[in-house]
Amino acid sequence: MSRKANPTLIGVFVLGALALAIAATLLLAGGSWFGERRQHVLYFTGAAQGLQVGAPVVFLGVKVGTVKQIQLGLDAHSQRFLVPVMIEVQPHVVHTHGGENVDLRDRATVRQLVDRGLRGRLRLQSLLTGQLYVDLDFHPDKPAIFAALDPDLSEIPTIRTAAQELATKLEGFPMDQFLADVAAISSAVHKLVSAQATQDLPRRLDATLRHLESLARRFDAQGGPLLKDARANLAEMNKALLAAQSALARLDTAADRVAQLAQPDSRLVAGMTQASEELARAATAVRKLAEQESPTVDNLNAALKEIARAADALRLLAETLEQQPDAIWRGKKQKSAPGTTLEKETP
C-alpha cells in the first residue's frame, strides 16, 4: 500500500518554487520594477522601419533607456503622418564631478538640455539586421521643432537622418536636366575621341618625343664645348671682378688721400691760401696802377701823346715823300704865294 503524500510538504515546495521564480524575475529585471521611470516622446517624420520595442536609447554613446512604445500619429495642422516613439530613461545614469546625479527623467532637466541643442534621431544599429536605435546627441545648429501632439508628455525634438537629408536634397535635384547634360557631354567626348586629329595625336606625340631625344643627343654632344666656354667666360668675369675690386680699393685710397689733402690744416690748403692772398695783393697793386691819378697813368698818357706826335710827323714825311720823291737829297720845296711861279728849294 502506497504512502499518503504530506500536504504540508507539497505546500512548502510550491511556495519555495514561487519564491525562486520571483527572485529570478527580479534579478533578471535588474530591480526595474521598483525603480521609478518616466517617459519622453519623440516624433519622427520618416519611416521607422527597423525600430522595435525594446530598442536601446543611447545618449552620447551610453545606453540610458529603452523604447517602450511605437505608434502612428497624424498632425492635424500639417496633415502629415508622424511616428511617436515613447522612451523610458533609467535613473541615476548621469553623474557630475561632485558625485551628484542628473536625473534625465525630469522634464525641466530635459528641457534645459533641449535648449542647449539636445536632439533625437534614428541610427542604424546593425547592417545585417537593419535594426535601428534612438540616438540622443547635441546639435545646436539644428532648430528645435516640436510636434506637441500630446502636451502632457515631455517631448524631445528630432532631426532627420543623413539618408533622409540626402533624399530631401535629391528631391529638388533636376535629374532630367542632369541626365541630358551627361548625355551631351558623352556625345561631345565621343566626337572628340573619334576625330581624326585625336587619332593622330599619338603619332604626333611620338614624333615630338623623337625630336626631343634628338635635341637631347645634340645638346649632350655640344654641351661639353659650351660648358668649357662658359667656364672660361666665368673665369674672365672673375678676373674682371677682382680687378674692379682692386681699382675700387685704390680709388678709396686716393679718395682718402684727397680728403687728407683737403683738410684745413694740410700743406696744400695752406699753400693755396697763401697763393690766393698773394694773387689778391697783386690784383690790388694792378688796380692801383690803373687808377686815373696814378703816376704810371700820367707817364703812360704823356708817352702816348709823344707817340701820337711822332706818328703825325711820320705821316707828314710819308706824304712829302709821296709828293716829292727827291726831297730826301734836295730838300723840301716850299710853295710860293698864290699868283707866283717861283718855288724855293730848301736844303
Protein backbone atom coordinates (compact mmCIF):
# COMPACT_ATOMS: atom_id res chain seq x y z
CA MET A 1 0.00 0.00 0.00
CA SER A 2 1.49 3.40 -1.02
CA ARG A 3 2.32 6.06 1.48
CA LYS A 4 -0.02 9.09 1.52
CA ALA A 5 1.58 12.44 0.45
CA ASN A 6 2.05 15.09 3.05
CA PRO A 7 0.09 18.25 2.06
CA THR A 8 2.38 20.41 4.16
CA LEU A 9 5.46 19.37 2.28
CA ILE A 10 3.71 19.93 -1.02
CA GLY A 11 2.70 23.45 0.02
CA VAL A 12 6.20 24.30 1.19
CA PHE A 13 7.61 23.03 -2.09
CA VAL A 14 5.16 25.14 -4.13
CA LEU A 15 5.87 28.27 -2.06
CA GLY A 16 9.61 27.76 -2.44
CA ALA A 17 9.24 27.43 -6.19
CA LEU A 18 7.19 30.61 -6.35
CA ALA A 19 9.78 32.43 -4.25
CA LEU A 20 12.59 31.28 -6.52
CA ALA A 21 10.63 32.35 -9.61
CA ILE A 22 10.00 35.82 -8.14
CA ALA A 23 13.65 36.20 -7.13
CA ALA A 24 14.84 35.17 -10.61
CA THR A 25 12.43 37.59 -12.26
CA LEU A 26 13.59 40.45 -10.04
CA LEU A 27 17.22 39.55 -10.70
CA LEU A 28 16.74 39.48 -14.46
CA ALA A 29 14.76 42.71 -14.40
CA GLY A 30 17.58 44.41 -12.53
CA GLY A 31 15.23 45.94 -10.00
CA SER A 32 13.46 47.92 -12.64
CA TRP A 33 10.04 47.10 -11.27
CA PHE A 34 10.77 49.02 -8.11
CA GLY A 35 12.68 51.87 -9.74
CA GLU A 36 10.72 54.87 -10.87
CA ARG A 37 10.86 55.55 -14.59
CA ARG A 38 9.45 58.43 -16.59
CA GLN A 39 8.72 58.59 -20.24
CA HIS A 40 9.60 61.03 -23.03
CA VAL A 41 8.17 61.09 -26.52
CA LEU A 42 9.94 61.69 -29.84
CA TYR A 43 8.04 62.33 -33.08
CA PHE A 44 9.81 61.05 -36.19
CA THR A 45 8.65 62.24 -39.61
CA GLY A 46 10.18 59.44 -41.66
CA ALA A 47 9.60 55.72 -41.73
CA ALA A 48 10.64 53.93 -38.56
CA GLN A 49 11.05 50.52 -40.14
CA GLY A 50 13.69 48.61 -38.19
CA LEU A 51 12.86 50.27 -34.86
CA GLN A 52 11.36 47.84 -32.38
CA VAL A 53 10.06 47.98 -28.83
CA GLY A 54 12.96 47.35 -26.50
CA ALA A 55 15.50 49.05 -28.80
CA PRO A 56 18.16 50.93 -26.84
CA VAL A 57 18.13 54.69 -26.27
CA VAL A 58 21.72 55.98 -26.39
CA PHE A 59 22.85 59.36 -25.03
CA LEU A 60 26.37 60.37 -26.17
CA GLY A 61 27.18 56.71 -26.83
CA VAL A 62 25.88 55.43 -23.45
CA LYS A 63 22.66 53.48 -23.10
CA VAL A 64 20.28 55.40 -20.85
CA GLY A 65 16.91 53.77 -21.62
CA THR A 66 14.78 51.72 -23.98
CA VAL A 67 11.96 52.15 -26.46
CA LYS A 68 8.62 51.31 -24.81
CA GLN A 69 6.03 52.10 -27.44
CA ILE A 70 5.85 52.84 -31.19
CA GLN A 71 2.68 54.32 -32.62
CA LEU A 72 1.42 56.13 -35.71
CA GLY A 73 0.06 59.65 -35.35
CA LEU A 74 -1.39 62.39 -37.57
CA ASP A 75 -0.62 66.09 -37.26
CA ALA A 76 -3.91 67.93 -37.60
CA HIS A 77 -2.29 71.18 -38.72
CA SER A 78 0.04 69.90 -41.45
CA GLN A 79 -1.95 66.74 -42.24
CA ARG A 80 1.20 64.64 -42.17
CA PHE A 81 1.79 61.31 -40.51
CA LEU A 82 4.21 61.05 -37.64
CA VAL A 83 5.70 58.16 -35.70
CA PRO A 84 5.50 58.86 -31.94
CA VAL A 85 8.11 56.81 -30.09
CA MET A 86 7.81 56.53 -26.31
CA ILE A 87 11.09 56.02 -24.44
CA GLU A 88 11.87 55.37 -20.80
CA VAL A 89 15.04 56.68 -19.21
CA GLN A 90 16.74 54.97 -16.31
CA PRO A 91 17.50 56.98 -13.18
CA HIS A 92 20.96 57.89 -11.92
CA VAL A 93 22.83 57.38 -15.19
CA VAL A 94 24.43 60.83 -15.35
CA HIS A 95 26.81 62.00 -12.63
CA THR A 96 28.61 65.29 -12.10
CA HIS A 97 32.20 65.76 -10.97
CA GLY A 98 30.96 66.34 -7.45
CA GLY A 99 29.16 62.98 -7.38
CA GLU A 100 25.68 64.44 -7.80
CA ASN A 101 23.16 62.69 -10.02
CA VAL A 102 21.49 64.34 -13.01
CA ASP A 103 18.02 62.93 -13.44
CA LEU A 104 17.21 62.60 -17.14
CA ARG A 105 13.65 61.69 -16.21
CA ASP A 106 12.94 65.22 -15.02
CA ARG A 107 11.09 67.27 -17.64
CA ALA A 108 12.78 70.54 -16.60
CA THR A 109 16.24 68.97 -16.90
CA VAL A 110 15.43 67.55 -20.32
CA ARG A 111 14.02 70.90 -21.44
CA GLN A 112 17.28 72.63 -20.42
CA LEU A 113 19.23 70.07 -22.43
CA VAL A 114 16.90 70.65 -25.39
CA ASP A 115 17.61 74.40 -25.16
CA ARG A 116 21.32 73.56 -25.35
CA GLY A 117 20.78 71.54 -28.54
CA LEU A 118 19.66 68.06 -27.44
CA ARG A 119 18.05 66.31 -30.41
CA GLY A 120 16.99 62.75 -31.16
CA ARG A 121 17.32 60.77 -34.36
CA LEU A 122 17.23 57.22 -35.62
CA ARG A 123 20.50 55.49 -36.34
CA LEU A 124 21.35 52.09 -37.73
CA GLN A 125 22.20 49.56 -35.06
CA SER A 126 23.25 46.68 -37.32
CA LEU A 127 23.91 46.49 -41.04
CA LEU A 128 22.95 42.81 -41.15
CA THR A 129 19.62 43.06 -39.34
CA GLY A 130 18.77 46.65 -40.27
CA GLN A 131 17.67 47.39 -36.69
CA LEU A 132 17.54 50.99 -35.54
CA TYR A 133 18.02 52.68 -32.19
CA VAL A 134 17.28 56.12 -30.78
CA ASP A 135 20.35 58.33 -30.56
CA LEU A 136 20.33 61.43 -28.32
CA ASP A 137 23.04 63.98 -29.04
CA PHE A 138 23.63 67.72 -29.12
CA HIS A 139 23.04 69.50 -32.42
CA PRO A 140 22.77 73.23 -31.59
CA ASP A 141 22.83 74.10 -35.31
CA LYS A 142 19.57 72.24 -35.85
CA PRO A 143 16.35 74.10 -34.91
CA ALA A 144 14.09 72.53 -32.28
CA ILE A 145 10.80 71.58 -33.95
CA PHE A 146 8.06 70.37 -31.58
CA ALA A 147 5.08 68.35 -32.81
CA ALA A 148 3.23 68.72 -29.45
CA LEU A 149 0.53 66.14 -30.20
CA ASP A 150 0.31 65.31 -26.50
CA PRO A 151 1.11 68.33 -24.26
CA ASP A 152 1.08 66.13 -21.16
CA LEU A 153 4.23 64.29 -22.31
CA SER A 154 7.80 65.51 -22.26
CA GLU A 155 8.87 65.92 -25.88
CA ILE A 156 12.42 65.77 -27.28
CA PRO A 157 12.76 67.33 -30.76
CA THR A 158 14.01 65.12 -33.55
CA ILE A 159 16.12 65.69 -36.63
CA ARG A 160 16.35 63.83 -39.88
CA THR A 161 18.94 61.19 -40.52
CA ALA A 162 21.72 61.69 -43.04
CA ALA A 163 19.91 59.48 -45.53
CA GLN A 164 16.69 61.47 -45.11
CA GLU A 165 18.50 64.80 -45.59
CA LEU A 166 20.19 63.42 -48.70
CA ALA A 167 16.85 62.20 -50.03
CA THR A 168 15.33 65.62 -49.36
CA LYS A 169 18.09 67.32 -51.31
CA LEU A 170 17.75 64.84 -54.15
CA GLU A 171 14.02 65.52 -54.39
CA GLY A 172 14.69 69.03 -55.69
CA PHE A 173 17.58 67.97 -57.88
CA PRO A 174 16.86 68.41 -61.65
CA MET A 175 17.63 64.83 -62.60
CA ASP A 176 16.30 65.15 -66.16
CA GLN A 177 18.47 68.14 -66.90
CA PHE A 178 21.44 66.40 -65.30
CA LEU A 179 20.96 63.30 -67.42
CA ALA A 180 20.56 65.44 -70.55
CA ASP A 181 23.80 67.26 -69.74
CA VAL A 182 25.57 63.95 -69.14
CA ALA A 183 24.31 62.67 -72.50
CA ALA A 184 25.50 65.84 -74.24
CA ILE A 185 28.90 65.59 -72.58
CA SER A 186 29.15 61.93 -73.54
CA SER A 187 28.30 62.75 -77.16
CA ALA A 188 30.89 65.54 -77.24
CA VAL A 189 33.54 63.26 -75.75
CA HIS A 190 32.70 60.59 -78.30
CA LYS A 191 33.08 63.08 -81.16
CA LEU A 192 36.35 64.31 -79.74
CA VAL A 193 37.75 60.82 -79.35
CA SER A 194 36.63 59.71 -82.81
CA ALA A 195 38.04 62.79 -84.54
CA GLN A 196 40.96 62.32 -86.93
CA ALA A 197 43.09 64.87 -85.06
CA THR A 198 42.66 62.92 -81.83
CA GLN A 199 43.58 59.67 -83.54
CA ASP A 200 46.69 61.33 -84.99
CA LEU A 201 47.69 62.62 -81.57
CA PRO A 202 49.74 59.52 -80.53
CA ARG A 203 51.72 59.69 -83.79
CA ARG A 204 52.42 63.38 -83.27
CA LEU A 205 53.43 62.77 -79.69
CA ASP A 206 55.79 60.02 -80.82
CA ALA A 207 57.36 62.33 -83.41
CA THR A 208 57.71 65.08 -80.81
CA LEU A 209 59.40 62.70 -78.38
CA ARG A 210 61.81 61.59 -81.07
CA HIS A 211 62.63 65.22 -81.86
CA LEU A 212 63.24 65.90 -78.18
CA GLU A 213 65.51 62.88 -77.97
CA SER A 214 67.46 64.16 -80.98
CA LEU A 215 67.81 67.58 -79.38
CA ALA A 216 68.96 65.96 -76.16
CA ARG A 217 71.64 64.00 -78.01
CA ARG A 218 72.82 67.15 -79.78
CA PHE A 219 72.94 69.01 -76.52
CA ASP A 220 74.94 66.19 -74.95
CA ALA A 221 77.38 66.27 -77.88
CA GLN A 222 77.78 70.06 -77.93
CA GLY A 223 77.31 70.65 -74.27
CA GLY A 224 80.97 69.97 -73.43
CA PRO A 225 82.46 72.86 -75.50
CA LEU A 226 79.69 75.17 -74.44
CA LEU A 227 80.29 74.39 -70.80
CA LYS A 228 84.02 74.85 -71.33
CA ASP A 229 83.46 78.27 -72.91
CA ALA A 230 81.06 79.16 -70.13
CA ARG A 231 83.66 78.21 -67.53
CA ALA A 232 86.30 80.30 -69.36
CA ASN A 233 83.93 83.27 -69.51
CA LEU A 234 83.16 82.88 -65.83
CA ALA A 235 86.89 82.82 -65.08
CA GLU A 236 87.40 86.02 -67.09
CA MET A 237 84.48 87.63 -65.34
CA ASN A 238 86.02 86.62 -62.02
CA LYS A 239 89.29 88.24 -63.01
CA ALA A 240 87.46 91.37 -64.12
CA LEU A 241 85.63 91.48 -60.82
CA LEU A 242 88.88 91.12 -58.91
CA ALA A 243 90.42 93.93 -60.99
CA ALA A 244 87.38 96.11 -60.37
CA GLN A 245 87.64 95.41 -56.66
CA SER A 246 91.33 96.34 -56.70
CA ALA A 247 90.56 99.54 -58.62
CA LEU A 248 87.83 100.39 -56.16
CA ALA A 249 90.27 99.82 -53.30
CA ARG A 250 92.82 102.13 -54.95
CA LEU A 251 90.07 104.66 -55.59
CA ASP A 252 89.12 104.52 -51.94
CA THR A 253 92.79 105.09 -51.02
CA ALA A 254 93.01 108.06 -53.43
CA ALA A 255 89.80 109.45 -52.02
CA ASP A 256 91.25 109.16 -48.53
CA ARG A 257 94.36 110.98 -49.65
CA VAL A 258 92.33 113.72 -51.33
CA ALA A 259 90.30 114.03 -48.15
CA GLN A 260 93.51 114.33 -46.15
CA LEU A 261 94.85 116.99 -48.54
CA ALA A 262 91.55 118.88 -48.38
CA GLN A 263 91.71 119.20 -44.62
CA PRO A 264 92.06 122.77 -43.31
CA ASP A 265 95.44 122.07 -41.67
CA SER A 266 97.03 120.38 -44.73
CA ARG A 267 100.00 121.87 -46.62
CA LEU A 268 98.08 122.01 -49.90
CA VAL A 269 95.30 124.09 -48.41
CA ALA A 270 97.85 126.35 -46.68
CA GLY A 271 99.77 126.85 -49.96
CA MET A 272 96.59 127.54 -51.91
CA THR A 273 95.55 130.04 -49.24
CA GLN A 274 98.94 131.83 -49.42
CA ALA A 275 98.83 131.87 -53.23
CA SER A 276 95.34 133.33 -53.19
CA GLU A 277 96.48 136.03 -50.76
CA GLU A 278 99.46 136.92 -52.99
CA LEU A 279 97.19 136.95 -56.04
CA ALA A 280 94.88 139.32 -54.20
CA ARG A 281 97.77 141.62 -53.34
CA ALA A 282 98.93 141.58 -56.99
CA ALA A 283 95.42 142.42 -58.16
CA THR A 284 95.33 145.30 -55.66
CA ALA A 285 98.65 146.60 -56.99
CA VAL A 286 97.45 146.37 -60.59
CA ARG A 287 94.25 148.17 -59.66
CA LYS A 288 96.28 150.96 -58.04
CA LEU A 289 98.50 151.24 -61.13
CA ALA A 290 95.40 151.50 -63.32
CA GLU A 291 93.85 154.38 -61.36
CA GLN A 292 93.42 157.77 -63.17
CA GLU A 293 95.58 159.82 -60.81
CA SER A 294 98.47 157.39 -60.51
CA PRO A 295 101.94 158.50 -61.89
CA THR A 296 102.07 155.45 -64.07
CA VAL A 297 98.92 156.53 -65.84
CA ASP A 298 100.27 160.09 -66.26
CA ASN A 299 103.54 158.84 -67.72
CA LEU A 300 101.62 156.43 -69.95
CA ASN A 301 99.42 159.30 -71.20
CA ALA A 302 102.50 161.51 -71.94
CA ALA A 303 104.14 158.62 -73.76
CA LEU A 304 101.04 158.11 -75.79
CA LYS A 305 100.98 161.81 -76.73
CA GLU A 306 104.62 161.67 -77.86
CA ILE A 307 103.88 158.57 -79.84
CA ALA A 308 100.92 160.37 -81.46
CA ARG A 309 103.14 163.37 -82.42
CA ALA A 310 105.75 161.04 -83.82
CA ALA A 311 103.08 159.26 -85.79
CA ASP A 312 101.91 162.64 -87.20
CA ALA A 313 105.45 163.54 -88.21
CA LEU A 314 105.93 160.19 -89.88
CA ARG A 315 102.65 160.58 -91.71
CA LEU A 316 103.71 164.07 -92.88
CA LEU A 317 107.06 162.71 -94.02
CA ALA A 318 105.36 159.95 -95.91
CA GLU A 319 103.08 162.42 -97.67
CA THR A 320 106.03 164.64 -98.56
CA LEU A 321 107.99 161.72 -99.99
CA GLU A 322 104.95 160.67 -101.93
CA GLN A 323 104.62 164.17 -103.49
CA GLN A 324 108.33 164.96 -103.73
CA PRO A 325 110.41 161.82 -104.02
CA ASP A 326 113.66 163.83 -104.45
CA ALA A 327 113.12 165.76 -101.27
CA ILE A 328 115.50 163.38 -99.49
CA TRP A 329 118.60 164.89 -101.25
CA ARG A 330 117.21 168.29 -102.43
CA GLY A 331 115.22 169.28 -99.50
CA LYS A 332 111.60 170.13 -99.22
CA LYS A 333 110.14 172.61 -101.71
CA GLN A 334 108.07 175.35 -100.16
CA LYS A 335 105.11 176.52 -102.08
CA SER A 336 105.05 180.29 -103.14
CA ALA A 337 102.25 182.62 -102.64
CA PRO A 338 99.35 182.40 -104.95
CA GLY A 339 99.93 184.05 -108.32
CA THR A 340 103.68 183.38 -108.47
CA THR A 341 105.51 180.60 -110.24
CA LEU A 342 108.75 180.63 -108.33
CA GLU A 343 109.40 177.89 -105.80
CA LYS A 344 112.13 177.99 -103.21
CA GLU A 345 114.13 174.94 -102.55
CA THR A 346 115.10 174.23 -99.07
CA PRO A 347 118.18 172.22 -98.44
